[in-house]
Amino acid sequence: MEDADMQLLDSAKLGIEADSFKSSALYRYLRARSMAECDDALEALISADPGDVQANTKLRNDIRVAEGCLAWIDEAVAAGAIAVDQLREQETED
Protein backbone atom coordinates (compact mmCIF):
# COMPACT_ATOMS: atom_id res chain seq x y z
CA MET A 1 0.00 0.00 0.00
CA GLU A 2 1.32 3.44 -0.93
CA ASP A 3 2.02 6.23 1.56
CA ALA A 4 -0.93 8.30 0.32
CA ASP A 5 -3.25 5.32 0.74
CA MET A 6 -1.95 4.72 4.27
CA GLN A 7 -2.57 8.37 5.13
CA LEU A 8 -6.12 8.12 3.80
CA LEU A 9 -6.67 4.94 5.79
CA ASP A 10 -5.28 6.55 8.96
CA SER A 11 -7.49 9.61 8.44
CA ALA A 12 -10.53 7.41 7.84
CA LYS A 13 -9.84 5.42 11.02
CA LEU A 14 -9.38 8.58 13.07
CA GLY A 15 -12.61 10.01 11.68
CA ILE A 16 -14.52 6.87 12.57
CA GLU A 17 -13.04 6.88 16.09
CA ALA A 18 -13.84 10.58 16.52
CA ASP A 19 -17.41 10.01 15.34
CA SER A 20 -17.80 7.14 17.80
CA PHE A 21 -16.29 9.32 20.53
CA LYS A 22 -19.07 11.85 19.97
CA SER A 23 -21.51 9.25 21.36
CA SER A 24 -19.55 8.79 24.58
CA ALA A 25 -20.20 10.15 28.04
CA LEU A 26 -16.75 11.77 28.01
CA TYR A 27 -17.62 13.73 24.86
CA ARG A 28 -20.92 14.87 26.37
CA TYR A 29 -19.01 16.00 29.47
CA LEU A 30 -16.41 17.87 27.41
CA ARG A 31 -19.12 19.46 25.28
CA ALA A 32 -21.04 20.63 28.34
CA ARG A 33 -17.86 22.00 29.93
CA SER A 34 -16.86 23.73 26.71
CA MET A 35 -20.26 25.37 26.37
CA ALA A 36 -20.23 26.43 30.02
CA GLU A 37 -16.74 27.90 29.63
CA CYS A 38 -17.88 29.83 26.55
CA ASP A 39 -20.99 31.11 28.32
CA ASP A 40 -19.03 32.16 31.40
CA ALA A 41 -16.34 33.90 29.37
CA LEU A 42 -18.93 35.64 27.20
CA GLU A 43 -20.81 36.91 30.26
CA ALA A 44 -17.53 38.16 31.74
CA LEU A 45 -16.59 39.79 28.43
CA ILE A 46 -19.92 41.59 28.23
CA SER A 47 -19.47 43.07 31.70
CA ALA A 48 -15.71 43.67 31.43
CA ASP A 49 -14.22 47.14 31.28
CA PRO A 50 -13.77 47.88 27.56
CA GLY A 51 -10.51 49.63 28.36
CA ASP A 52 -9.00 46.55 30.00
CA VAL A 53 -7.33 45.13 26.92
CA GLN A 54 -5.53 42.37 28.81
CA ALA A 55 -8.71 41.03 30.44
CA ASN A 56 -10.70 41.28 27.20
CA THR A 57 -7.98 39.47 25.26
CA LYS A 58 -7.83 36.70 27.87
CA LEU A 59 -11.60 36.23 27.80
CA ARG A 60 -11.68 36.09 23.98
CA ASN A 61 -8.87 33.53 24.06
CA ASP A 62 -10.77 31.47 26.65
CA ILE A 63 -13.75 31.37 24.28
CA ARG A 64 -11.56 30.34 21.33
CA VAL A 65 -9.94 27.52 23.29
CA ALA A 66 -13.29 26.17 24.51
CA GLU A 67 -14.74 26.29 20.99
CA GLY A 68 -11.58 24.79 19.52
CA CYS A 69 -11.89 21.65 21.60
CA LEU A 70 -15.12 20.67 19.86
CA ALA A 71 -14.06 22.00 16.46
CA TRP A 72 -11.02 19.71 16.36
CA ILE A 73 -13.20 16.67 16.92
CA ASP A 74 -15.63 17.79 14.22
CA GLU A 75 -12.71 18.40 11.84
CA ALA A 76 -11.42 14.88 12.46
CA VAL A 77 -14.87 13.45 11.70
CA ALA A 78 -15.15 15.50 8.49
CA ALA A 79 -11.63 14.62 7.32
CA GLY A 80 -12.33 10.97 8.04
CA ALA A 81 -15.54 11.04 5.99
CA ILE A 82 -13.65 12.57 3.07
CA ALA A 83 -10.95 9.92 3.38
CA VAL A 84 -13.56 7.14 3.42
CA ASP A 85 -15.13 8.56 0.26
CA GLN A 86 -11.73 8.76 -1.45
CA LEU A 87 -10.90 5.19 -0.46
CA ARG A 88 -14.24 3.99 -1.82
CA GLU A 89 -13.60 5.82 -5.10
CA GLN A 90 -10.19 4.19 -5.39
CA GLU A 91 -11.73 0.80 -4.68
CA THR A 92 -14.29 1.18 -7.48
CA GLU A 93 -11.57 2.33 -9.89
CA ASP A 94 -9.47 -0.77 -9.23
C-alpha atoms as a PDB file:
ATOM      1  CA  MET A   1       0.000   0.000   0.000  1.00  0.00           C
ATOM      2  CA  GLU A   2       1.322   3.445  -0.935  1.00  0.00           C
ATOM      3  CA  ASP A   3       2.019   6.227   1.558  1.00  0.00           C
ATOM      4  CA  ALA A   4      -0.927   8.297   0.316  1.00  0.00           C
ATOM      5  CA  ASP A   5      -3.247   5.318   0.740  1.00  0.00           C
ATOM      6  CA  MET A   6      -1.951   4.716   4.265  1.00  0.00           C
ATOM      7  CA  GLN A   7      -2.570   8.369   5.128  1.00  0.00           C
ATOM      8  CA  LEU A   8      -6.123   8.117   3.798  1.00  0.00           C
ATOM      9  CA  LEU A   9      -6.667   4.937   5.790  1.00  0.00           C
ATOM     10  CA  ASP A  10      -5.285   6.548   8.965  1.00  0.00           C
ATOM     11  CA  SER A  11      -7.489   9.607   8.443  1.00  0.00           C
ATOM     12  CA  ALA A  12     -10.528   7.407   7.844  1.00  0.00           C
ATOM     13  CA  LYS A  13      -9.842   5.417  11.023  1.00  0.00           C
ATOM     14  CA  LEU A  14      -9.380   8.580  13.067  1.00  0.00           C
ATOM     15  CA  GLY A  15     -12.614  10.014  11.685  1.00  0.00           C
ATOM     16  CA  ILE A  16     -14.524   6.865  12.575  1.00  0.00           C
ATOM     17  CA  GLU A  17     -13.040   6.875  16.085  1.00  0.00           C
ATOM     18  CA  ALA A  18     -13.837  10.577  16.521  1.00  0.00           C
ATOM     19  CA  ASP A  19     -17.405  10.014  15.335  1.00  0.00           C
ATOM     20  CA  SER A  20     -17.802   7.138  17.804  1.00  0.00           C
ATOM     21  CA  PHE A  21     -16.290   9.317  20.533  1.00  0.00           C
ATOM     22  CA  LYS A  22     -19.074  11.855  19.965  1.00  0.00           C
ATOM     23  CA  SER A  23     -21.507   9.247  21.357  1.00  0.00           C
ATOM     24  CA  SER A  24     -19.551   8.791  24.577  1.00  0.00           C
ATOM     25  CA  ALA A  25     -20.196  10.153  28.044  1.00  0.00           C
ATOM     26  CA  LEU A  26     -16.753  11.766  28.010  1.00  0.00           C
ATOM     27  CA  TYR A  27     -17.615  13.734  24.858  1.00  0.00           C
ATOM     28  CA  ARG A  28     -20.921  14.875  26.371  1.00  0.00           C
ATOM     29  CA  TYR A  29     -19.013  16.000  29.469  1.00  0.00           C
ATOM     30  CA  LEU A  30     -16.406  17.874  27.407  1.00  0.00           C
ATOM     31  CA  ARG A  31     -19.119  19.462  25.277  1.00  0.00           C
ATOM     32  CA  ALA A  32     -21.037  20.633  28.343  1.00  0.00           C
ATOM     33  CA  ARG A  33     -17.857  21.998  29.933  1.00  0.00           C
ATOM     34  CA  SER A  34     -16.864  23.732  26.710  1.00  0.00           C
ATOM     35  CA  MET A  35     -20.261  25.368  26.366  1.00  0.00           C
ATOM     36  CA  ALA A  36     -20.234  26.431  30.017  1.00  0.00           C
ATOM     37  CA  GLU A  37     -16.737  27.904  29.630  1.00  0.00           C
ATOM     38  CA  CYS A  38     -17.883  29.832  26.547  1.00  0.00           C
ATOM     39  CA  ASP A  39     -20.993  31.107  28.317  1.00  0.00           C
ATOM     40  CA  ASP A  40     -19.029  32.160  31.404  1.00  0.00           C
ATOM     41  CA  ALA A  41     -16.339  33.901  29.372  1.00  0.00           C
ATOM     42  CA  LEU A  42     -18.931  35.644  27.204  1.00  0.00           C
ATOM     43  CA  GLU A  43     -20.810  36.915  30.265  1.00  0.00           C
ATOM     44  CA  ALA A  44     -17.533  38.159  31.738  1.00  0.00           C
ATOM     45  CA  LEU A  45     -16.590  39.786  28.427  1.00  0.00           C
ATOM     46  CA  ILE A  46     -19.924  41.590  28.226  1.00  0.00           C
ATOM     47  CA  SER A  47     -19.473  43.072  31.699  1.00  0.00           C
ATOM     48  CA  ALA A  48     -15.707  43.669  31.427  1.00  0.00           C
ATOM     49  CA  ASP A  49     -14.219  47.142  31.280  1.00  0.00           C
ATOM     50  CA  PRO A  50     -13.769  47.884  27.557  1.00  0.00           C
ATOM     51  CA  GLY A  51     -10.506  49.632  28.360  1.00  0.00           C
ATOM     52  CA  ASP A  52      -9.000  46.546  30.001  1.00  0.00           C
ATOM     53  CA  VAL A  53      -7.331  45.130  26.920  1.00  0.00           C
ATOM     54  CA  GLN A  54      -5.532  42.374  28.812  1.00  0.00           C
ATOM     55  CA  ALA A  55      -8.710  41.031  30.443  1.00  0.00           C
ATOM     56  CA  ASN A  56     -10.698  41.276  27.201  1.00  0.00           C
ATOM     57  CA  THR A  57      -7.982  39.468  25.261  1.00  0.00           C
ATOM     58  CA  LYS A  58      -7.834  36.698  27.875  1.00  0.00           C
ATOM     59  CA  LEU A  59     -11.604  36.229  27.797  1.00  0.00           C
ATOM     60  CA  ARG A  60     -11.678  36.086  23.983  1.00  0.00           C
ATOM     61  CA  ASN A  61      -8.868  33.530  24.061  1.00  0.00           C
ATOM     62  CA  ASP A  62     -10.770  31.469  26.650  1.00  0.00           C
ATOM     63  CA  ILE A  63     -13.746  31.366  24.281  1.00  0.00           C
ATOM     64  CA  ARG A  64     -11.559  30.344  21.327  1.00  0.00           C
ATOM     65  CA  VAL A  65      -9.940  27.516  23.294  1.00  0.00           C
ATOM     66  CA  ALA A  66     -13.289  26.173  24.512  1.00  0.00           C
ATOM     67  CA  GLU A  67     -14.742  26.295  20.994  1.00  0.00           C
ATOM     68  CA  GLY A  68     -11.578  24.795  19.520  1.00  0.00           C
ATOM     69  CA  CYS A  69     -11.888  21.646  21.596  1.00  0.00           C
ATOM     70  CA  LEU A  70     -15.118  20.671  19.864  1.00  0.00           C
ATOM     71  CA  ALA A  71     -14.057  21.998  16.463  1.00  0.00           C
ATOM     72  CA  TRP A  72     -11.017  19.709  16.361  1.00  0.00           C
ATOM     73  CA  ILE A  73     -13.200  16.670  16.924  1.00  0.00           C
ATOM     74  CA  ASP A  74     -15.635  17.794  14.218  1.00  0.00           C
ATOM     75  CA  GLU A  75     -12.715  18.403  11.840  1.00  0.00           C
ATOM     76  CA  ALA A  76     -11.416  14.880  12.458  1.00  0.00           C
ATOM     77  CA  VAL A  77     -14.867  13.446  11.698  1.00  0.00           C
ATOM     78  CA  ALA A  78     -15.153  15.496   8.488  1.00  0.00           C
ATOM     79  CA  ALA A  79     -11.634  14.619   7.322  1.00  0.00           C
ATOM     80  CA  GLY A  80     -12.334  10.972   8.038  1.00  0.00           C
ATOM     81  CA  ALA A  81     -15.536  11.043   5.989  1.00  0.00           C
ATOM     82  CA  ILE A  82     -13.654  12.574   3.067  1.00  0.00           C
ATOM     83  CA  ALA A  83     -10.951   9.925   3.378  1.00  0.00           C
ATOM     84  CA  VAL A  84     -13.557   7.138   3.424  1.00  0.00           C
ATOM     85  CA  ASP A  85     -15.127   8.558   0.255  1.00  0.00           C
ATOM     86  CA  GLN A  86     -11.731   8.758  -1.452  1.00  0.00           C
ATOM     87  CA  LEU A  87     -10.896   5.188  -0.464  1.00  0.00           C
ATOM     88  CA  ARG A  88     -14.240   3.991  -1.822  1.00  0.00           C
ATOM     89  CA  GLU A  89     -13.599   5.824  -5.097  1.00  0.00           C
ATOM     90  CA  GLN A  90     -10.192   4.189  -5.386  1.00  0.00           C
ATOM     91  CA  GLU A  91     -11.733   0.804  -4.678  1.00  0.00           C
ATOM     92  CA  THR A  92     -14.287   1.179  -7.475  1.00  0.00           C
ATOM     93  CA  GLU A  93     -11.570   2.334  -9.891  1.00  0.00           C
ATOM     94  CA  ASP A  94      -9.472  -0.767  -9.232  1.00  0.00           C
END
